[in-house]
Amino acid sequence: MVSLLVREKLYLNEVVLGTGFGILMGPHCANIFDPRSWTTESDKLTLEVMRVVLATGLFAIGVELPRAYMGKHVKSLLIMIVPTMALGWVICAGNVLVPLL
């Protein structure tokens, strides 16, 4: 019952729920999982792990969206995605071209 509510009504998937669970089990809450003990540069480790988790989660969410969601929200998705993608391309191009100048 709860799984149906979370997946179909709130559009949350396992990745989002797993990230929340990981935060709860991490060093700031339950202290069961502590990546700071793995290396002295814990900030860099955490940043890289979170980049992978975020990229995987966003991809999985996009793939798992129901077809009905895409049909109902196509206009709002285009309004949000097209300018964001264009801005991302400009920023990436700037990061590539500025060192060459």
N, C-alpha and C. Protein backbone atom coordinates (compact mmCIF):
# COMPACT_ATOMS: atom_id res chain seq x y z
N MET A 1 0.82 -1.20 0.00
CA MET A 1 0.00 0.00 0.00
C MET A 1 0.87 1.26 0.00
N VAL A 2 1.85 1.30 0.88
CA VAL A 2 2.73 2.46 0.95
C VAL A 2 3.59 2.55 -0.31
N SER A 3 4.05 1.40 -0.80
CA SER A 3 4.88 1.38 -2.01
C SER A 3 4.12 1.96 -3.20
N LEU A 4 2.86 1.63 -3.34
CA LEU A 4 2.06 2.17 -4.43
C LEU A 4 1.94 3.68 -4.30
N LEU A 5 1.70 4.17 -3.11
CA LEU A 5 1.59 5.61 -2.89
C LEU A 5 2.89 6.32 -3.26
N VAL A 6 4.00 5.78 -2.80
CA VAL A 6 5.29 6.42 -3.04
C VAL A 6 5.65 6.40 -4.51
N ARG A 7 5.46 5.28 -5.18
CA ARG A 7 5.89 5.14 -6.57
C ARG A 7 4.96 5.80 -7.56
N GLU A 8 3.67 5.65 -7.41
CA GLU A 8 2.73 6.11 -8.41
C GLU A 8 2.17 7.51 -8.15
N LYS A 9 2.05 7.88 -6.92
CA LYS A 9 1.45 9.19 -6.61
C LYS A 9 2.49 10.27 -6.34
N LEU A 10 3.56 9.93 -5.67
CA LEU A 10 4.60 10.91 -5.33
C LEU A 10 5.75 10.90 -6.32
N TYR A 11 5.78 9.94 -7.25
CA TYR A 11 6.82 9.80 -8.26
C TYR A 11 8.21 9.71 -7.64
N LEU A 12 8.32 8.96 -6.57
CA LEU A 12 9.61 8.67 -5.94
C LEU A 12 9.98 7.23 -6.28
N ASN A 13 11.26 6.98 -6.50
CA ASN A 13 11.69 5.63 -6.80
C ASN A 13 12.69 5.14 -5.75
N GLU A 14 13.26 3.99 -6.04
CA GLU A 14 14.16 3.36 -5.07
C GLU A 14 15.42 4.19 -4.83
N VAL A 15 15.88 4.91 -5.85
CA VAL A 15 17.11 5.68 -5.71
C VAL A 15 16.92 6.81 -4.70
N VAL A 16 15.82 7.52 -4.80
CA VAL A 16 15.56 8.62 -3.87
C VAL A 16 15.38 8.08 -2.46
N LEU A 17 14.62 7.01 -2.34
CA LEU A 17 14.41 6.41 -1.02
C LEU A 17 15.72 5.85 -0.46
N GLY A 18 16.55 5.26 -1.33
CA GLY A 18 17.84 4.73 -0.89
C GLY A 18 18.79 5.83 -0.44
N THR A 19 18.75 6.97 -1.13
CA THR A 19 19.58 8.10 -0.71
C THR A 19 19.15 8.60 0.65
N GLY A 20 17.85 8.70 0.86
CA GLY A 20 17.35 9.11 2.17
C GLY A 20 17.75 8.13 3.26
N PHE A 21 17.68 6.85 2.94
CA PHE A 21 18.09 5.83 3.90
C PHE A 21 19.58 5.94 4.19
N GLY A 22 20.38 6.21 3.15
CA GLY A 22 21.81 6.38 3.34
C GLY A 22 22.14 7.56 4.23
N ILE A 23 21.40 8.64 4.08
CA ILE A 23 21.60 9.80 4.94
C ILE A 23 21.27 9.45 6.38
N LEU A 24 20.19 8.71 6.58
CA LEU A 24 19.82 8.31 7.94
C LEU A 24 20.85 7.39 8.58
N MET A 25 21.48 6.52 7.77
CA MET A 25 22.47 5.58 8.30
C MET A 25 23.87 6.19 8.40
N GLY A 26 24.06 7.37 7.83
CA GLY A 26 25.36 8.02 7.76
C GLY A 26 25.85 8.56 9.09
N PRO A 27 27.00 9.24 9.05
CA PRO A 27 27.66 9.68 10.28
C PRO A 27 26.92 10.78 11.02
N HIS A 28 26.00 11.47 10.38
CA HIS A 28 25.30 12.57 11.05
C HIS A 28 24.03 12.12 11.77
N CYS A 29 23.57 10.92 11.45
CA CYS A 29 22.35 10.42 12.12
C CYS A 29 22.67 9.19 12.97
N ALA A 30 22.66 8.01 12.35
CA ALA A 30 22.85 6.77 13.11
C ALA A 30 24.32 6.37 13.25
N ASN A 31 25.20 6.92 12.43
CA ASN A 31 26.63 6.66 12.45
C ASN A 31 26.96 5.18 12.23
N ILE A 32 26.17 4.50 11.40
CA ILE A 32 26.44 3.11 11.05
C ILE A 32 27.40 3.04 9.87
N PHE A 33 27.28 3.97 8.95
CA PHE A 33 28.08 4.01 7.72
C PHE A 33 28.88 5.32 7.74
N ASP A 34 30.21 5.23 7.86
CA ASP A 34 31.04 6.42 8.00
C ASP A 34 32.16 6.43 6.96
N PRO A 35 31.96 7.12 5.83
CA PRO A 35 33.01 7.16 4.81
C PRO A 35 34.23 7.96 5.23
N ARG A 36 34.13 8.76 6.28
CA ARG A 36 35.29 9.53 6.76
C ARG A 36 36.39 8.62 7.28
N SER A 37 36.04 7.41 7.67
CA SER A 37 37.06 6.48 8.18
C SER A 37 37.84 5.81 7.04
N TRP A 38 37.43 5.97 5.78
CA TRP A 38 38.08 5.33 4.66
C TRP A 38 39.35 6.05 4.22
N THR A 39 39.37 7.36 4.34
CA THR A 39 40.50 8.16 3.85
C THR A 39 40.59 9.46 4.64
N THR A 40 41.72 10.13 4.51
CA THR A 40 41.88 11.42 5.20
C THR A 40 41.20 12.54 4.42
N GLU A 41 40.99 12.37 3.14
CA GLU A 41 40.33 13.38 2.31
C GLU A 41 38.86 13.01 2.13
N SER A 42 38.13 13.06 3.20
CA SER A 42 36.73 12.61 3.17
C SER A 42 35.84 13.52 2.36
N ASP A 43 36.17 14.81 2.28
CA ASP A 43 35.34 15.72 1.50
C ASP A 43 35.37 15.36 0.02
N LYS A 44 36.54 15.05 -0.51
CA LYS A 44 36.66 14.67 -1.92
C LYS A 44 35.98 13.34 -2.18
N LEU A 45 36.14 12.39 -1.27
CA LEU A 45 35.49 11.09 -1.42
C LEU A 45 33.98 11.24 -1.42
N THR A 46 33.47 12.00 -0.48
CA THR A 46 32.03 12.20 -0.39
C THR A 46 31.50 12.90 -1.63
N LEU A 47 32.21 13.90 -2.11
CA LEU A 47 31.79 14.62 -3.31
C LEU A 47 31.71 13.68 -4.51
N GLU A 48 32.72 12.85 -4.70
CA GLU A 48 32.72 11.95 -5.85
C GLU A 48 31.64 10.87 -5.73
N VAL A 49 31.45 10.33 -4.55
CA VAL A 49 30.39 9.33 -4.35
C VAL A 49 29.03 9.95 -4.61
N MET A 50 28.81 11.15 -4.12
CA MET A 50 27.52 11.80 -4.31
C MET A 50 27.27 12.17 -5.76
N ARG A 51 28.31 12.49 -6.51
CA ARG A 51 28.14 12.75 -7.95
C ARG A 51 27.64 11.51 -8.67
N VAL A 52 28.22 10.37 -8.33
CA VAL A 52 27.79 9.11 -8.95
C VAL A 52 26.36 8.78 -8.55
N VAL A 53 26.05 8.93 -7.29
CA VAL A 53 24.69 8.63 -6.80
C VAL A 53 23.68 9.56 -7.44
N LEU A 54 23.99 10.84 -7.53
CA LEU A 54 23.07 11.80 -8.12
C LEU A 54 22.85 11.52 -9.61
N ALA A 55 23.92 11.26 -10.34
CA ALA A 55 23.77 10.98 -11.77
C ALA A 55 22.97 9.71 -12.00
N THR A 56 23.25 8.68 -11.23
CA THR A 56 22.51 7.42 -11.35
C THR A 56 21.05 7.63 -10.99
N GLY A 57 20.80 8.35 -9.93
CA GLY A 57 19.43 8.59 -9.49
C GLY A 57 18.63 9.39 -10.50
N LEU A 58 19.21 10.45 -11.05
CA LEU A 58 18.49 11.26 -12.03
C LEU A 58 18.19 10.46 -13.30
N PHE A 59 19.15 9.67 -13.73
CA PHE A 59 18.92 8.84 -14.91
C PHE A 59 17.80 7.83 -14.64
N ALA A 60 17.85 7.18 -13.50
CA ALA A 60 16.84 6.17 -13.17
C ALA A 60 15.46 6.78 -13.04
N ILE A 61 15.38 7.96 -12.46
CA ILE A 61 14.08 8.63 -12.32
C ILE A 61 13.51 8.96 -13.69
N GLY A 62 14.35 9.47 -14.58
CA GLY A 62 13.89 9.79 -15.92
C GLY A 62 13.42 8.58 -16.69
N VAL A 63 14.09 7.47 -16.51
CA VAL A 63 13.73 6.24 -17.22
C VAL A 63 12.45 5.63 -16.66
N GLU A 64 12.24 5.75 -15.36
CA GLU A 64 11.13 5.07 -14.71
C GLU A 64 9.84 5.89 -14.63
N LEU A 65 9.83 7.11 -15.15
CA LEU A 65 8.59 7.90 -15.10
C LEU A 65 7.50 7.22 -15.90
N PRO A 66 6.30 7.18 -15.38
CA PRO A 66 5.19 6.58 -16.14
C PRO A 66 4.88 7.40 -17.39
N ARG A 67 4.37 6.74 -18.42
CA ARG A 67 4.03 7.43 -19.66
C ARG A 67 2.98 8.52 -19.44
N ALA A 68 2.06 8.27 -18.55
CA ALA A 68 1.00 9.24 -18.28
C ALA A 68 1.58 10.55 -17.75
N TYR A 69 2.63 10.48 -16.97
CA TYR A 69 3.26 11.68 -16.42
C TYR A 69 3.83 12.53 -17.55
N MET A 70 4.52 11.89 -18.48
CA MET A 70 5.12 12.62 -19.59
C MET A 70 4.04 13.30 -20.44
N GLY A 71 2.96 12.60 -20.69
CA GLY A 71 1.89 13.18 -21.50
C GLY A 71 1.21 14.35 -20.83
N LYS A 72 0.99 14.25 -19.54
CA LYS A 72 0.30 15.32 -18.81
C LYS A 72 1.17 16.55 -18.60
N HIS A 73 2.48 16.36 -18.48
CA HIS A 73 3.37 17.45 -18.09
C HIS A 73 4.38 17.82 -19.17
N VAL A 74 4.07 17.55 -20.43
CA VAL A 74 5.04 17.80 -21.50
C VAL A 74 5.39 19.29 -21.60
N LYS A 75 4.43 20.17 -21.46
CA LYS A 75 4.69 21.61 -21.59
C LYS A 75 5.59 22.10 -20.46
N SER A 76 5.28 21.75 -19.23
CA SER A 76 6.11 22.21 -18.11
C SER A 76 7.51 21.59 -18.15
N LEU A 77 7.61 20.34 -18.60
CA LEU A 77 8.92 19.72 -18.73
C LEU A 77 9.76 20.42 -19.78
N LEU A 78 9.17 20.76 -20.90
CA LEU A 78 9.92 21.47 -21.94
C LEU A 78 10.35 22.85 -21.47
N ILE A 79 9.48 23.53 -20.73
CA ILE A 79 9.82 24.86 -20.21
C ILE A 79 10.99 24.78 -19.24
N MET A 80 11.07 23.72 -18.46
CA MET A 80 12.16 23.57 -17.50
C MET A 80 13.42 22.97 -18.12
N ILE A 81 13.26 22.01 -19.00
CA ILE A 81 14.42 21.27 -19.51
C ILE A 81 15.18 22.04 -20.59
N VAL A 82 14.49 22.65 -21.54
CA VAL A 82 15.17 23.30 -22.66
C VAL A 82 16.07 24.45 -22.19
N PRO A 83 15.59 25.39 -21.37
CA PRO A 83 16.51 26.44 -20.91
C PRO A 83 17.64 25.90 -20.03
N THR A 84 17.34 24.90 -19.22
CA THR A 84 18.37 24.32 -18.35
C THR A 84 19.45 23.64 -19.19
N MET A 85 19.06 22.89 -20.21
CA MET A 85 20.03 22.24 -21.08
C MET A 85 20.85 23.28 -21.83
N ALA A 86 20.20 24.31 -22.34
CA ALA A 86 20.93 25.35 -23.07
C ALA A 86 21.94 26.05 -22.16
N LEU A 87 21.54 26.37 -20.95
CA LEU A 87 22.46 27.00 -20.00
C LEU A 87 23.62 26.05 -19.66
N GLY A 88 23.32 24.78 -19.50
CA GLY A 88 24.37 23.80 -19.23
C GLY A 88 25.37 23.70 -20.38
N TRP A 89 24.87 23.74 -21.61
CA TRP A 89 25.77 23.71 -22.77
C TRP A 89 26.66 24.94 -22.80
N VAL A 90 26.09 26.11 -22.50
CA VAL A 90 26.88 27.35 -22.50
C VAL A 90 27.96 27.29 -21.43
N ILE A 91 27.61 26.82 -20.24
CA ILE A 91 28.59 26.73 -19.15
C ILE A 91 29.69 25.73 -19.51
N CYS A 92 29.32 24.58 -20.05
CA CYS A 92 30.33 23.59 -20.44
C CYS A 92 31.23 24.13 -21.54
N ALA A 93 30.66 24.79 -22.53
CA ALA A 93 31.45 25.37 -23.61
C ALA A 93 32.38 26.44 -23.07
N GLY A 94 31.89 27.24 -22.14
CA GLY A 94 32.74 28.25 -21.52
C GLY A 94 33.90 27.65 -20.76
N ASN A 95 33.63 26.56 -20.06
CA ASN A 95 34.71 25.89 -19.33
C ASN A 95 35.74 25.28 -20.27
N VAL A 96 35.34 24.88 -21.45
CA VAL A 96 36.27 24.32 -22.41
C VAL A 96 37.03 25.41 -23.15
N LEU A 97 36.34 26.47 -23.54
CA LEU A 97 36.95 27.50 -24.39
C LEU A 97 37.77 28.52 -23.62
N VAL A 98 37.40 28.86 -22.41
CA VAL A 98 38.12 29.90 -21.66
C VAL A 98 39.57 29.54 -21.43
N PRO A 99 39.93 28.31 -21.05
CA PRO A 99 41.36 28.00 -20.88
C PRO A 99 42.15 28.08 -22.19
N LEU A 100 41.48 27.96 -23.33
CA LEU A 100 42.17 28.01 -24.62
C LEU A 100 42.52 29.44 -25.05
N LEU A 101 41.83 30.42 -24.46
CA LEU A 101 42.07 31.82 -24.85
C LEU A 101 43.30 32.41 -24.23
